[in-house]
N, C-alpha and C. Protein backbone atom coordinates (compact mmCIF):
# COMPACT_ATOMS: atom_id res chain seq x y z
N MET A 1 -78.89 130.17 67.26
CA MET A 1 -79.24 131.58 67.43
C MET A 1 -78.76 132.04 68.80
N PRO A 2 -78.04 133.18 68.89
CA PRO A 2 -77.52 133.63 70.18
C PRO A 2 -78.64 133.98 71.15
N ARG A 3 -78.39 133.74 72.41
CA ARG A 3 -79.38 134.04 73.45
C ARG A 3 -79.52 135.55 73.63
N ASN A 4 -80.73 135.99 73.80
CA ASN A 4 -81.00 137.40 74.03
C ASN A 4 -80.59 137.76 75.45
N LYS A 5 -79.62 138.69 75.58
CA LYS A 5 -79.13 139.05 76.90
C LYS A 5 -80.08 139.99 77.64
N TYR A 6 -80.98 140.64 76.90
CA TYR A 6 -81.88 141.63 77.51
C TYR A 6 -83.33 141.35 77.12
N PRO A 7 -83.89 140.25 77.61
CA PRO A 7 -85.27 139.89 77.22
C PRO A 7 -86.29 140.93 77.63
N GLU A 8 -86.05 141.66 78.72
CA GLU A 8 -87.02 142.67 79.17
C GLU A 8 -87.12 143.81 78.15
N LEU A 9 -86.01 144.11 77.46
CA LEU A 9 -86.05 145.15 76.43
C LEU A 9 -86.83 144.68 75.21
N THR A 10 -86.69 143.39 74.90
CA THR A 10 -87.45 142.82 73.78
C THR A 10 -88.94 142.87 74.08
N VAL A 11 -89.32 142.49 75.29
CA VAL A 11 -90.73 142.51 75.69
C VAL A 11 -91.27 143.93 75.62
N LYS A 12 -90.50 144.89 76.13
CA LYS A 12 -90.94 146.28 76.11
C LYS A 12 -91.15 146.76 74.67
N LYS A 13 -90.26 146.38 73.79
CA LYS A 13 -90.38 146.80 72.39
C LYS A 13 -91.63 146.20 71.76
N ILE A 14 -91.88 144.92 72.04
CA ILE A 14 -93.08 144.27 71.51
C ILE A 14 -94.33 144.96 72.02
N LEU A 15 -94.36 145.29 73.30
CA LEU A 15 -95.53 145.95 73.89
C LEU A 15 -95.72 147.35 73.32
N ASP A 16 -94.63 148.09 73.16
CA ASP A 16 -94.73 149.45 72.62
C ASP A 16 -95.27 149.44 71.20
N VAL A 17 -94.72 148.56 70.37
CA VAL A 17 -95.17 148.48 68.97
C VAL A 17 -96.62 148.00 68.91
N SER A 18 -96.96 147.02 69.71
CA SER A 18 -98.32 146.46 69.71
C SER A 18 -99.34 147.50 70.14
N LEU A 19 -99.03 148.25 71.20
CA LEU A 19 -99.96 149.28 71.67
C LEU A 19 -100.21 150.32 70.58
N LYS A 20 -99.15 150.75 69.93
CA LYS A 20 -99.27 151.73 68.85
C LYS A 20 -100.19 151.20 67.74
N LEU A 21 -100.00 149.94 67.36
CA LEU A 21 -100.81 149.34 66.30
C LEU A 21 -102.26 149.13 66.74
N PHE A 22 -102.45 148.67 67.98
CA PHE A 22 -103.81 148.44 68.48
C PHE A 22 -104.62 149.74 68.46
N LEU A 23 -103.95 150.85 68.82
CA LEU A 23 -104.64 152.13 68.88
C LEU A 23 -104.86 152.72 67.48
N GLU A 24 -103.92 152.47 66.58
CA GLU A 24 -104.03 153.01 65.22
C GLU A 24 -104.97 152.19 64.35
N LYS A 25 -104.82 150.85 64.39
CA LYS A 25 -105.56 149.98 63.47
C LYS A 25 -106.75 149.30 64.13
N GLY A 26 -106.70 149.18 65.45
CA GLY A 26 -107.70 148.38 66.16
C GLY A 26 -107.13 147.01 66.45
N PHE A 27 -107.59 146.41 67.53
CA PHE A 27 -107.05 145.12 67.94
C PHE A 27 -107.34 144.03 66.91
N GLU A 28 -108.58 143.92 66.47
CA GLU A 28 -108.97 142.84 65.56
C GLU A 28 -108.25 142.96 64.22
N GLN A 29 -107.97 144.19 63.79
CA GLN A 29 -107.35 144.39 62.48
C GLN A 29 -105.83 144.21 62.53
N THR A 30 -105.25 144.18 63.71
CA THR A 30 -103.80 144.01 63.85
C THR A 30 -103.45 142.53 63.91
N THR A 31 -102.46 142.12 63.12
CA THR A 31 -102.01 140.74 63.12
C THR A 31 -100.64 140.64 63.78
N VAL A 32 -100.25 139.42 64.11
CA VAL A 32 -98.90 139.21 64.65
C VAL A 32 -97.85 139.65 63.64
N LEU A 33 -98.12 139.41 62.35
CA LEU A 33 -97.18 139.83 61.31
C LEU A 33 -97.02 141.35 61.28
N ASP A 34 -98.12 142.07 61.54
CA ASP A 34 -98.04 143.53 61.62
C ASP A 34 -97.10 143.94 62.75
N ILE A 35 -97.24 143.27 63.88
CA ILE A 35 -96.40 143.58 65.04
C ILE A 35 -94.94 143.29 64.73
N VAL A 36 -94.69 142.11 64.15
CA VAL A 36 -93.31 141.73 63.81
C VAL A 36 -92.71 142.72 62.82
N ALA A 37 -93.51 143.18 61.88
CA ALA A 37 -93.02 144.13 60.87
C ALA A 37 -92.57 145.44 61.50
N GLY A 38 -93.16 145.78 62.63
CA GLY A 38 -92.78 147.02 63.31
C GLY A 38 -91.64 146.87 64.29
N LEU A 39 -91.07 145.67 64.37
CA LEU A 39 -90.03 145.40 65.36
C LEU A 39 -88.62 145.56 64.82
N GLU A 40 -88.49 146.12 63.63
CA GLU A 40 -87.19 146.49 63.06
C GLU A 40 -86.20 145.34 63.05
N GLY A 41 -86.50 144.33 62.25
CA GLY A 41 -85.57 143.23 62.08
C GLY A 41 -85.75 142.07 63.03
N MET A 42 -86.59 142.24 64.05
CA MET A 42 -86.85 141.14 64.98
C MET A 42 -87.69 140.08 64.28
N THR A 43 -87.43 138.82 64.54
CA THR A 43 -88.10 137.74 63.85
C THR A 43 -89.43 137.37 64.51
N ARG A 44 -90.25 136.64 63.76
CA ARG A 44 -91.50 136.15 64.33
C ARG A 44 -91.22 135.18 65.47
N GLY A 45 -90.11 134.45 65.36
CA GLY A 45 -89.72 133.53 66.43
C GLY A 45 -89.45 134.26 67.73
N ALA A 46 -88.86 135.46 67.62
CA ALA A 46 -88.59 136.26 68.83
C ALA A 46 -89.89 136.67 69.49
N PHE A 47 -90.88 137.03 68.65
CA PHE A 47 -92.19 137.38 69.20
C PHE A 47 -92.78 136.20 69.96
N TYR A 48 -92.82 135.04 69.31
CA TYR A 48 -93.46 133.87 69.92
C TYR A 48 -92.66 133.29 71.09
N HIS A 49 -91.40 133.70 71.20
CA HIS A 49 -90.63 133.29 72.37
C HIS A 49 -91.18 133.94 73.64
N HIS A 50 -91.77 135.13 73.48
CA HIS A 50 -92.27 135.87 74.64
C HIS A 50 -93.79 135.84 74.76
N PHE A 51 -94.50 135.74 73.63
CA PHE A 51 -95.96 135.77 73.64
C PHE A 51 -96.52 134.71 72.70
N LYS A 52 -97.55 134.00 73.16
CA LYS A 52 -98.16 132.97 72.33
C LYS A 52 -99.10 133.56 71.28
N SER A 53 -99.62 134.75 71.54
CA SER A 53 -100.60 135.34 70.64
C SER A 53 -100.71 136.84 70.94
N LYS A 54 -101.45 137.55 70.08
CA LYS A 54 -101.66 138.97 70.35
C LYS A 54 -102.59 139.15 71.54
N ASP A 55 -103.42 138.15 71.86
CA ASP A 55 -104.25 138.22 73.07
C ASP A 55 -103.37 138.34 74.31
N GLU A 56 -102.28 137.57 74.34
CA GLU A 56 -101.36 137.64 75.48
C GLU A 56 -100.67 139.00 75.55
N VAL A 57 -100.40 139.58 74.38
CA VAL A 57 -99.81 140.91 74.35
C VAL A 57 -100.77 141.91 74.99
N LEU A 58 -102.05 141.82 74.62
CA LEU A 58 -103.04 142.73 75.19
C LEU A 58 -103.15 142.56 76.70
N GLU A 59 -103.10 141.32 77.16
CA GLU A 59 -103.18 141.05 78.60
C GLU A 59 -102.00 141.70 79.32
N ALA A 60 -100.80 141.59 78.72
CA ALA A 60 -99.62 142.19 79.33
C ALA A 60 -99.74 143.71 79.36
N LEU A 61 -100.31 144.28 78.31
CA LEU A 61 -100.52 145.72 78.26
C LEU A 61 -101.49 146.17 79.34
N MET A 62 -102.54 145.39 79.56
CA MET A 62 -103.51 145.73 80.59
C MET A 62 -102.85 145.76 81.97
N THR A 63 -102.03 144.76 82.22
CA THR A 63 -101.33 144.69 83.51
C THR A 63 -100.39 145.88 83.66
N GLN A 64 -99.68 146.20 82.60
CA GLN A 64 -98.71 147.29 82.64
C GLN A 64 -99.38 148.64 82.83
N LEU A 65 -100.47 148.88 82.13
CA LEU A 65 -101.11 150.19 82.15
C LEU A 65 -102.03 150.38 83.35
N PHE A 66 -102.72 149.32 83.76
CA PHE A 66 -103.77 149.49 84.77
C PHE A 66 -103.41 148.94 86.15
N LEU A 67 -102.35 148.16 86.25
CA LEU A 67 -102.00 147.60 87.55
C LEU A 67 -100.64 148.11 88.00
N GLU A 68 -99.60 147.77 87.24
CA GLU A 68 -98.25 148.16 87.64
C GLU A 68 -98.08 149.68 87.66
N ALA A 69 -98.61 150.36 86.62
CA ALA A 69 -98.46 151.82 86.55
C ALA A 69 -99.20 152.50 87.69
N GLU A 70 -100.40 152.01 88.01
CA GLU A 70 -101.17 152.62 89.08
C GLU A 70 -100.50 152.41 90.43
N LEU A 71 -100.11 151.18 90.72
CA LEU A 71 -99.53 150.90 92.03
C LEU A 71 -98.26 151.69 92.26
N SER A 72 -97.45 151.86 91.21
CA SER A 72 -96.20 152.58 91.37
C SER A 72 -96.41 154.08 91.58
N SER A 73 -97.60 154.58 91.24
CA SER A 73 -97.86 156.02 91.37
C SER A 73 -98.44 156.39 92.73
N PHE A 74 -98.63 155.43 93.61
CA PHE A 74 -99.27 155.68 94.90
C PHE A 74 -98.27 155.81 96.04
N ASP A 75 -96.98 155.81 95.76
CA ASP A 75 -95.97 155.76 96.82
C ASP A 75 -96.10 156.92 97.80
N ASP A 76 -96.31 158.13 97.27
CA ASP A 76 -96.40 159.30 98.15
C ASP A 76 -97.57 159.18 99.12
N ILE A 77 -98.69 158.65 98.63
CA ILE A 77 -99.87 158.49 99.48
C ILE A 77 -99.63 157.40 100.52
N LEU A 78 -99.04 156.30 100.09
CA LEU A 78 -98.80 155.18 101.00
C LEU A 78 -97.80 155.53 102.09
N ASN A 79 -96.87 156.42 101.77
CA ASN A 79 -95.81 156.75 102.73
C ASN A 79 -96.10 158.01 103.54
N ASN A 80 -97.31 158.56 103.39
CA ASN A 80 -97.67 159.77 104.14
C ASN A 80 -98.16 159.39 105.54
N PRO A 81 -97.40 159.66 106.58
CA PRO A 81 -97.78 159.24 107.93
C PRO A 81 -98.95 160.02 108.52
N LYS A 82 -99.32 161.13 107.88
CA LYS A 82 -100.41 161.96 108.40
C LYS A 82 -101.79 161.43 108.03
N LEU A 83 -101.85 160.45 107.13
CA LEU A 83 -103.13 159.94 106.66
C LEU A 83 -103.56 158.71 107.44
N ASN A 84 -104.86 158.64 107.78
CA ASN A 84 -105.37 157.39 108.34
C ASN A 84 -105.79 156.47 107.19
N GLY A 85 -106.25 155.29 107.51
CA GLY A 85 -106.57 154.32 106.48
C GLY A 85 -107.63 154.79 105.50
N LEU A 86 -108.71 155.38 106.02
CA LEU A 86 -109.79 155.84 105.14
C LEU A 86 -109.32 156.97 104.23
N GLN A 87 -108.56 157.92 104.79
CA GLN A 87 -108.04 159.02 103.98
C GLN A 87 -107.09 158.50 102.89
N ARG A 88 -106.29 157.52 103.25
CA ARG A 88 -105.35 156.94 102.29
C ARG A 88 -106.11 156.26 101.15
N LEU A 89 -107.17 155.54 101.51
CA LEU A 89 -107.98 154.84 100.51
C LEU A 89 -108.64 155.84 99.56
N ARG A 90 -109.21 156.90 100.11
CA ARG A 90 -109.87 157.92 99.28
C ARG A 90 -108.88 158.56 98.31
N LYS A 91 -107.71 158.93 98.82
CA LYS A 91 -106.73 159.61 97.97
C LYS A 91 -106.22 158.70 96.85
N ILE A 92 -106.04 157.43 97.16
CA ILE A 92 -105.58 156.49 96.13
C ILE A 92 -106.64 156.30 95.06
N MET A 93 -107.90 156.18 95.48
CA MET A 93 -108.97 156.02 94.50
C MET A 93 -109.12 157.27 93.64
N MET A 94 -108.98 158.44 94.24
CA MET A 94 -109.06 159.69 93.49
C MET A 94 -107.89 159.80 92.51
N ALA A 95 -106.70 159.43 92.95
CA ALA A 95 -105.52 159.49 92.09
C ALA A 95 -105.66 158.55 90.90
N SER A 96 -106.22 157.39 91.15
CA SER A 96 -106.42 156.42 90.09
C SER A 96 -107.41 156.93 89.05
N LEU A 97 -108.51 157.52 89.51
CA LEU A 97 -109.51 158.07 88.59
C LEU A 97 -108.94 159.24 87.80
N ALA A 98 -108.20 160.11 88.48
CA ALA A 98 -107.60 161.26 87.80
C ALA A 98 -106.62 160.82 86.74
N GLN A 99 -105.88 159.77 87.03
CA GLN A 99 -104.92 159.24 86.06
C GLN A 99 -105.63 158.73 84.81
N ASN A 100 -106.77 158.09 85.00
CA ASN A 100 -107.53 157.57 83.86
C ASN A 100 -108.05 158.69 82.97
N ILE A 101 -108.37 159.83 83.56
CA ILE A 101 -108.89 160.94 82.78
C ILE A 101 -107.77 161.73 82.10
N SER A 102 -106.63 161.87 82.77
CA SER A 102 -105.57 162.75 82.26
C SER A 102 -104.70 162.10 81.19
N SER A 103 -104.70 160.77 81.10
CA SER A 103 -103.82 160.09 80.14
C SER A 103 -104.60 159.71 78.88
N ASP A 104 -104.24 160.33 77.75
CA ASP A 104 -104.89 159.99 76.49
C ASP A 104 -104.65 158.53 76.13
N GLU A 105 -103.48 158.04 76.47
CA GLU A 105 -103.13 156.65 76.17
C GLU A 105 -104.03 155.69 76.94
N ILE A 106 -104.23 155.98 78.22
CA ILE A 106 -105.07 155.12 79.04
C ILE A 106 -106.53 155.21 78.61
N ILE A 107 -106.98 156.42 78.23
CA ILE A 107 -108.34 156.56 77.73
C ILE A 107 -108.55 155.70 76.50
N ALA A 108 -107.61 155.79 75.56
CA ALA A 108 -107.73 155.03 74.32
C ALA A 108 -107.70 153.53 74.57
N ILE A 109 -106.79 153.08 75.42
CA ILE A 109 -106.69 151.64 75.67
C ILE A 109 -107.87 151.15 76.49
N THR A 110 -108.45 152.03 77.32
CA THR A 110 -109.66 151.65 78.06
C THR A 110 -110.81 151.40 77.11
N ASN A 111 -110.96 152.27 76.12
CA ASN A 111 -112.02 152.07 75.12
C ASN A 111 -111.79 150.80 74.33
N LEU A 112 -110.53 150.53 73.99
CA LEU A 112 -110.20 149.29 73.29
C LEU A 112 -110.53 148.10 74.17
N TYR A 113 -110.15 148.18 75.43
CA TYR A 113 -110.40 147.12 76.40
C TYR A 113 -111.89 146.86 76.53
N SER A 114 -112.68 147.93 76.59
CA SER A 114 -114.12 147.80 76.75
C SER A 114 -114.74 147.03 75.59
N SER A 115 -114.24 147.27 74.38
CA SER A 115 -114.79 146.60 73.21
C SER A 115 -114.44 145.13 73.16
N LEU A 116 -113.49 144.70 74.01
CA LEU A 116 -113.04 143.30 73.98
C LEU A 116 -113.54 142.49 75.17
N MET A 117 -114.46 143.06 75.95
CA MET A 117 -114.90 142.39 77.16
C MET A 117 -115.68 141.11 76.89
N ASN A 118 -116.10 140.86 75.63
CA ASN A 118 -116.76 139.59 75.32
C ASN A 118 -115.74 138.51 75.01
N ASN A 119 -114.47 138.85 75.07
CA ASN A 119 -113.40 137.87 74.89
C ASN A 119 -113.12 137.24 76.25
N PRO A 120 -113.40 135.93 76.43
CA PRO A 120 -113.24 135.30 77.75
C PRO A 120 -111.85 135.46 78.33
N ARG A 121 -110.83 135.41 77.49
CA ARG A 121 -109.47 135.50 77.99
C ARG A 121 -109.18 136.89 78.53
N VAL A 122 -109.62 137.90 77.81
CA VAL A 122 -109.43 139.28 78.25
C VAL A 122 -110.23 139.54 79.53
N PHE A 123 -111.45 139.01 79.56
CA PHE A 123 -112.29 139.16 80.75
C PHE A 123 -111.60 138.55 81.97
N LEU A 124 -111.00 137.37 81.77
CA LEU A 124 -110.30 136.71 82.87
C LEU A 124 -109.14 137.56 83.37
N GLU A 125 -108.41 138.19 82.45
CA GLU A 125 -107.29 139.02 82.85
C GLU A 125 -107.76 140.24 83.65
N LYS A 126 -108.89 140.79 83.25
CA LYS A 126 -109.45 141.90 84.02
C LYS A 126 -109.79 141.45 85.43
N PHE A 127 -110.41 140.28 85.53
CA PHE A 127 -110.79 139.75 86.84
C PHE A 127 -109.55 139.51 87.70
N LYS A 128 -108.48 138.96 87.11
CA LYS A 128 -107.25 138.70 87.85
C LYS A 128 -106.60 140.01 88.31
N ALA A 129 -106.62 141.01 87.44
CA ALA A 129 -106.05 142.31 87.82
C ALA A 129 -106.85 142.94 88.95
N ASP A 130 -108.17 142.78 88.91
CA ASP A 130 -109.01 143.32 89.97
C ASP A 130 -108.79 142.60 91.29
N LEU A 131 -108.50 141.31 91.23
CA LEU A 131 -108.19 140.57 92.45
C LEU A 131 -106.90 141.09 93.08
N GLU A 132 -105.93 141.40 92.23
CA GLU A 132 -104.67 141.96 92.75
C GLU A 132 -104.92 143.32 93.40
N MET A 133 -105.77 144.13 92.78
CA MET A 133 -106.09 145.42 93.36
C MET A 133 -106.86 145.26 94.67
N ALA A 134 -107.72 144.23 94.73
CA ALA A 134 -108.47 143.97 95.96
C ALA A 134 -107.50 143.63 97.10
N LYS A 135 -106.45 142.85 96.79
CA LYS A 135 -105.44 142.50 97.81
C LYS A 135 -104.71 143.77 98.27
N PHE A 136 -104.45 144.66 97.33
CA PHE A 136 -103.78 145.92 97.65
C PHE A 136 -104.66 146.76 98.59
N PHE A 137 -105.95 146.89 98.24
CA PHE A 137 -106.87 147.67 99.05
C PHE A 137 -107.15 147.00 100.40
N GLU A 138 -107.05 145.68 100.44
CA GLU A 138 -107.29 144.96 101.70
C GLU A 138 -106.37 145.47 102.81
N GLY A 139 -105.10 145.67 102.47
CA GLY A 139 -104.15 146.15 103.47
C GLY A 139 -104.49 147.54 103.96
N ILE A 140 -104.96 148.40 103.07
CA ILE A 140 -105.30 149.76 103.46
C ILE A 140 -106.58 149.77 104.30
N ILE A 141 -107.55 148.94 103.93
CA ILE A 141 -108.78 148.85 104.72
C ILE A 141 -108.48 148.29 106.10
N ALA A 142 -107.59 147.30 106.17
CA ALA A 142 -107.19 146.75 107.47
C ALA A 142 -106.53 147.82 108.33
N GLU A 143 -105.73 148.68 107.70
CA GLU A 143 -105.11 149.79 108.42
C GLU A 143 -106.18 150.73 108.97
N GLY A 144 -107.22 151.01 108.15
CA GLY A 144 -108.30 151.87 108.61
C GLY A 144 -109.08 151.27 109.76
N MET A 145 -109.27 149.95 109.73
CA MET A 145 -109.96 149.28 110.83
C MET A 145 -109.13 149.35 112.11
N ALA A 146 -107.81 149.28 111.95
CA ALA A 146 -106.93 149.33 113.12
C ALA A 146 -106.88 150.73 113.74
N ASP A 147 -106.94 151.80 112.88
CA ASP A 147 -106.86 153.14 113.44
C ASP A 147 -108.24 153.75 113.72
N GLY A 148 -109.31 153.01 113.43
CA GLY A 148 -110.66 153.45 113.77
C GLY A 148 -111.36 154.28 112.71
N SER A 149 -110.71 154.54 111.58
CA SER A 149 -111.35 155.35 110.54
C SER A 149 -112.32 154.54 109.69
N ILE A 150 -112.21 153.21 109.75
CA ILE A 150 -113.11 152.29 109.04
C ILE A 150 -113.70 151.31 110.04
N LYS A 151 -114.98 151.05 109.91
CA LYS A 151 -115.68 150.15 110.82
C LYS A 151 -115.05 148.76 110.81
N GLN A 152 -114.97 148.14 111.97
CA GLN A 152 -114.39 146.82 112.08
C GLN A 152 -115.16 145.80 111.23
N GLY A 153 -114.44 144.90 110.62
CA GLY A 153 -115.05 143.87 109.79
C GLY A 153 -113.99 143.02 109.12
N ASN A 154 -114.35 142.35 108.04
CA ASN A 154 -113.43 141.50 107.31
C ASN A 154 -112.85 142.31 106.14
N ALA A 155 -111.61 142.73 106.27
CA ALA A 155 -111.00 143.60 105.26
C ALA A 155 -110.91 142.93 103.90
N LYS A 156 -110.65 141.64 103.89
CA LYS A 156 -110.52 140.90 102.63
C LYS A 156 -111.85 140.89 101.87
N LEU A 157 -112.92 140.53 102.56
CA LEU A 157 -114.24 140.46 101.91
C LEU A 157 -114.71 141.84 101.48
N LEU A 158 -114.44 142.84 102.30
CA LEU A 158 -114.88 144.20 101.98
C LEU A 158 -114.15 144.73 100.75
N SER A 159 -112.85 144.48 100.66
CA SER A 159 -112.09 144.95 99.50
C SER A 159 -112.53 144.24 98.22
N GLU A 160 -112.82 142.94 98.32
CA GLU A 160 -113.29 142.20 97.15
C GLU A 160 -114.65 142.70 96.69
N LEU A 161 -115.55 142.94 97.64
CA LEU A 161 -116.88 143.45 97.29
C LEU A 161 -116.78 144.83 96.65
N MET A 162 -115.93 145.69 97.19
CA MET A 162 -115.76 147.03 96.63
C MET A 162 -115.31 146.95 95.18
N MET A 163 -114.36 146.08 94.87
CA MET A 163 -113.86 145.95 93.50
C MET A 163 -114.93 145.38 92.58
N LEU A 164 -115.71 144.43 93.07
CA LEU A 164 -116.78 143.85 92.24
C LEU A 164 -117.83 144.90 91.89
N LEU A 165 -118.20 145.70 92.88
CA LEU A 165 -119.22 146.72 92.65
C LEU A 165 -118.72 147.82 91.72
N ILE A 166 -117.52 148.31 91.98
CA ILE A 166 -117.00 149.45 91.23
C ILE A 166 -116.49 149.05 89.85
N ASN A 167 -115.76 147.96 89.77
CA ASN A 167 -115.10 147.61 88.51
C ASN A 167 -115.86 146.62 87.64
N PHE A 168 -116.92 146.02 88.17
CA PHE A 168 -117.72 145.11 87.35
C PHE A 168 -119.17 145.57 87.23
N TRP A 169 -119.84 145.71 88.35
CA TRP A 169 -121.27 146.08 88.29
C TRP A 169 -121.46 147.46 87.70
N MET A 170 -120.51 148.36 87.92
CA MET A 170 -120.62 149.72 87.39
C MET A 170 -120.07 149.83 85.97
N PHE A 171 -119.52 148.75 85.44
CA PHE A 171 -118.90 148.79 84.12
C PHE A 171 -120.00 148.69 83.06
N PRO A 172 -120.26 149.75 82.28
CA PRO A 172 -121.41 149.78 81.37
C PRO A 172 -121.36 148.75 80.26
N ASN A 173 -120.17 148.27 79.90
CA ASN A 173 -120.07 147.28 78.83
C ASN A 173 -120.44 145.88 79.30
N LEU A 174 -120.55 145.68 80.60
CA LEU A 174 -120.93 144.38 81.14
C LEU A 174 -122.41 144.31 81.47
N TYR A 175 -122.95 145.38 82.02
CA TYR A 175 -124.36 145.43 82.39
C TYR A 175 -125.02 146.56 81.60
N SER A 176 -125.91 146.20 80.69
CA SER A 176 -126.55 147.22 79.85
C SER A 176 -127.44 148.12 80.71
N LEU A 177 -127.58 149.35 80.26
CA LEU A 177 -128.40 150.34 80.96
C LEU A 177 -129.68 150.59 80.18
N ASP A 178 -130.82 150.48 80.85
CA ASP A 178 -132.12 150.69 80.20
C ASP A 178 -132.50 152.16 80.11
N ALA A 179 -131.86 152.98 80.93
CA ALA A 179 -132.15 154.42 80.93
C ALA A 179 -130.88 155.17 81.28
N GLN A 180 -130.81 156.43 80.87
CA GLN A 180 -129.60 157.22 81.08
C GLN A 180 -129.29 157.45 82.55
N ASP A 181 -130.33 157.50 83.36
CA ASP A 181 -130.09 157.80 84.77
C ASP A 181 -129.75 156.56 85.59
N GLU A 182 -129.72 155.38 84.95
CA GLU A 182 -129.42 154.16 85.70
C GLU A 182 -128.00 154.15 86.23
N MET A 183 -127.05 154.73 85.51
CA MET A 183 -125.68 154.78 86.00
C MET A 183 -125.61 155.58 87.30
N GLU A 184 -126.34 156.71 87.34
CA GLU A 184 -126.37 157.52 88.56
C GLU A 184 -127.03 156.75 89.70
N GLN A 185 -128.12 156.01 89.39
CA GLN A 185 -128.79 155.22 90.42
C GLN A 185 -127.87 154.11 90.94
N LYS A 186 -127.13 153.51 90.04
CA LYS A 186 -126.18 152.48 90.46
C LYS A 186 -125.14 153.07 91.41
N GLY A 187 -124.64 154.25 91.04
CA GLY A 187 -123.65 154.89 91.89
C GLY A 187 -124.17 155.16 93.28
N GLU A 188 -125.41 155.62 93.36
CA GLU A 188 -126.02 155.89 94.67
C GLU A 188 -126.15 154.61 95.49
N LEU A 189 -126.50 153.51 94.83
CA LEU A 189 -126.62 152.24 95.53
C LEU A 189 -125.27 151.75 96.05
N VAL A 190 -124.22 151.91 95.22
CA VAL A 190 -122.89 151.50 95.64
C VAL A 190 -122.46 152.28 96.88
N VAL A 191 -122.72 153.59 96.87
CA VAL A 191 -122.38 154.43 98.03
C VAL A 191 -123.11 153.94 99.27
N LYS A 192 -124.41 153.66 99.15
CA LYS A 192 -125.20 153.21 100.30
C LYS A 192 -124.71 151.87 100.83
N ILE A 193 -124.40 150.95 99.92
CA ILE A 193 -123.93 149.62 100.33
C ILE A 193 -122.61 149.73 101.10
N LEU A 194 -121.66 150.49 100.54
CA LEU A 194 -120.35 150.61 101.18
C LEU A 194 -120.46 151.36 102.51
N GLU A 195 -121.29 152.40 102.55
CA GLU A 195 -121.49 153.13 103.81
C GLU A 195 -122.08 152.23 104.89
N ALA A 196 -123.05 151.40 104.49
CA ALA A 196 -123.68 150.49 105.45
C ALA A 196 -122.68 149.50 106.03
N LEU A 197 -121.65 149.21 105.25
CA LEU A 197 -120.62 148.28 105.70
C LEU A 197 -119.46 148.99 106.40
N GLY A 198 -119.62 150.30 106.61
CA GLY A 198 -118.60 151.05 107.33
C GLY A 198 -117.51 151.62 106.46
N LEU A 199 -117.70 151.59 105.14
CA LEU A 199 -116.67 152.09 104.23
C LEU A 199 -117.20 153.34 103.54
N ASP A 200 -117.15 154.46 104.24
CA ASP A 200 -117.65 155.74 103.73
C ASP A 200 -116.55 156.39 102.90
N VAL A 201 -116.28 155.80 101.73
CA VAL A 201 -115.11 156.20 100.96
C VAL A 201 -115.45 157.08 99.77
N ILE A 202 -116.68 157.00 99.24
CA ILE A 202 -117.04 157.73 98.01
C ILE A 202 -117.77 159.01 98.37
N ASP A 203 -117.12 160.15 98.14
CA ASP A 203 -117.76 161.44 98.37
C ASP A 203 -118.23 162.02 97.03
N ASP A 204 -118.80 163.23 97.06
CA ASP A 204 -119.34 163.84 95.83
C ASP A 204 -118.26 164.06 94.78
N GLU A 205 -117.09 164.51 95.21
CA GLU A 205 -116.00 164.78 94.27
C GLU A 205 -115.58 163.51 93.54
N MET A 206 -115.45 162.41 94.30
CA MET A 206 -115.07 161.14 93.69
C MET A 206 -116.17 160.64 92.76
N GLY A 207 -117.42 160.83 93.17
CA GLY A 207 -118.54 160.38 92.34
C GLY A 207 -118.56 161.09 91.00
N GLU A 208 -118.30 162.40 91.01
CA GLU A 208 -118.27 163.18 89.77
C GLU A 208 -117.12 162.74 88.87
N LEU A 209 -115.97 162.45 89.47
CA LEU A 209 -114.80 162.02 88.71
C LEU A 209 -115.04 160.64 88.10
N TYR A 210 -115.66 159.77 88.88
CA TYR A 210 -115.97 158.43 88.39
C TYR A 210 -116.95 158.50 87.22
N GLU A 211 -117.91 159.41 87.31
CA GLU A 211 -118.88 159.56 86.22
C GLU A 211 -118.19 160.00 84.94
N LYS A 212 -117.18 160.87 85.04
CA LYS A 212 -116.44 161.31 83.87
C LYS A 212 -115.70 160.14 83.23
N VAL A 213 -115.12 159.29 84.07
CA VAL A 213 -114.41 158.12 83.54
C VAL A 213 -115.38 157.19 82.81
N MET A 214 -116.54 156.95 83.42
CA MET A 214 -117.52 156.06 82.80
C MET A 214 -118.05 156.61 81.48
N MET A 215 -118.20 157.92 81.40
CA MET A 215 -118.69 158.54 80.17
C MET A 215 -117.72 158.33 79.02
N GLN A 216 -116.45 158.17 79.33
CA GLN A 216 -115.45 157.97 78.29
C GLN A 216 -115.54 156.59 77.65
N ILE A 217 -116.12 155.62 78.37
CA ILE A 217 -116.13 154.26 77.84
C ILE A 217 -117.54 153.78 77.53
N MET A 218 -118.54 154.66 77.65
CA MET A 218 -119.91 154.26 77.34
C MET A 218 -120.19 154.44 75.85
């Protein structure tokens, strides 16, 4: 069998077809054969050359939609010399939240993702993606500490704690809520914790936007 000269195009096609099927049929109802059938003549062997299972396809989609896409959209903020570290961090977090609300595709895949959080492999991929985001935020927090906009401390630990609080503890599919106002109470606690550590990053506007995102996946 001839070698594929453009493997990245094959991977993109597999991801595009898989995402369409996951959103139309649901992840559990979609089979590898369904995906192969949508690949227009591509063989099952070609699929398995790039992915061991549909779980791996979902993991790749998560990385593409929630990590690579987000990071690539922050260039203007990162390259703006007028912003200090704290301002840069706020704008990036706001842009990320706004992106989650404005994209129907991301909303749909977020809901799909939420329903799969009891899958250990998917959970691990979320954790790995959050670690990468923590490393990204670490550099910005360190910049804020250097320019005085963020209180001096350990940028690595602070960025990791911020991601754990925002992306795990605040995630309603991981921690059940006993009352409707518990999400708001959690948000207030997160703000107080981060402020106490010198990271006054969450303002009212961001809090309202975050609440809208959470309402979409509850």
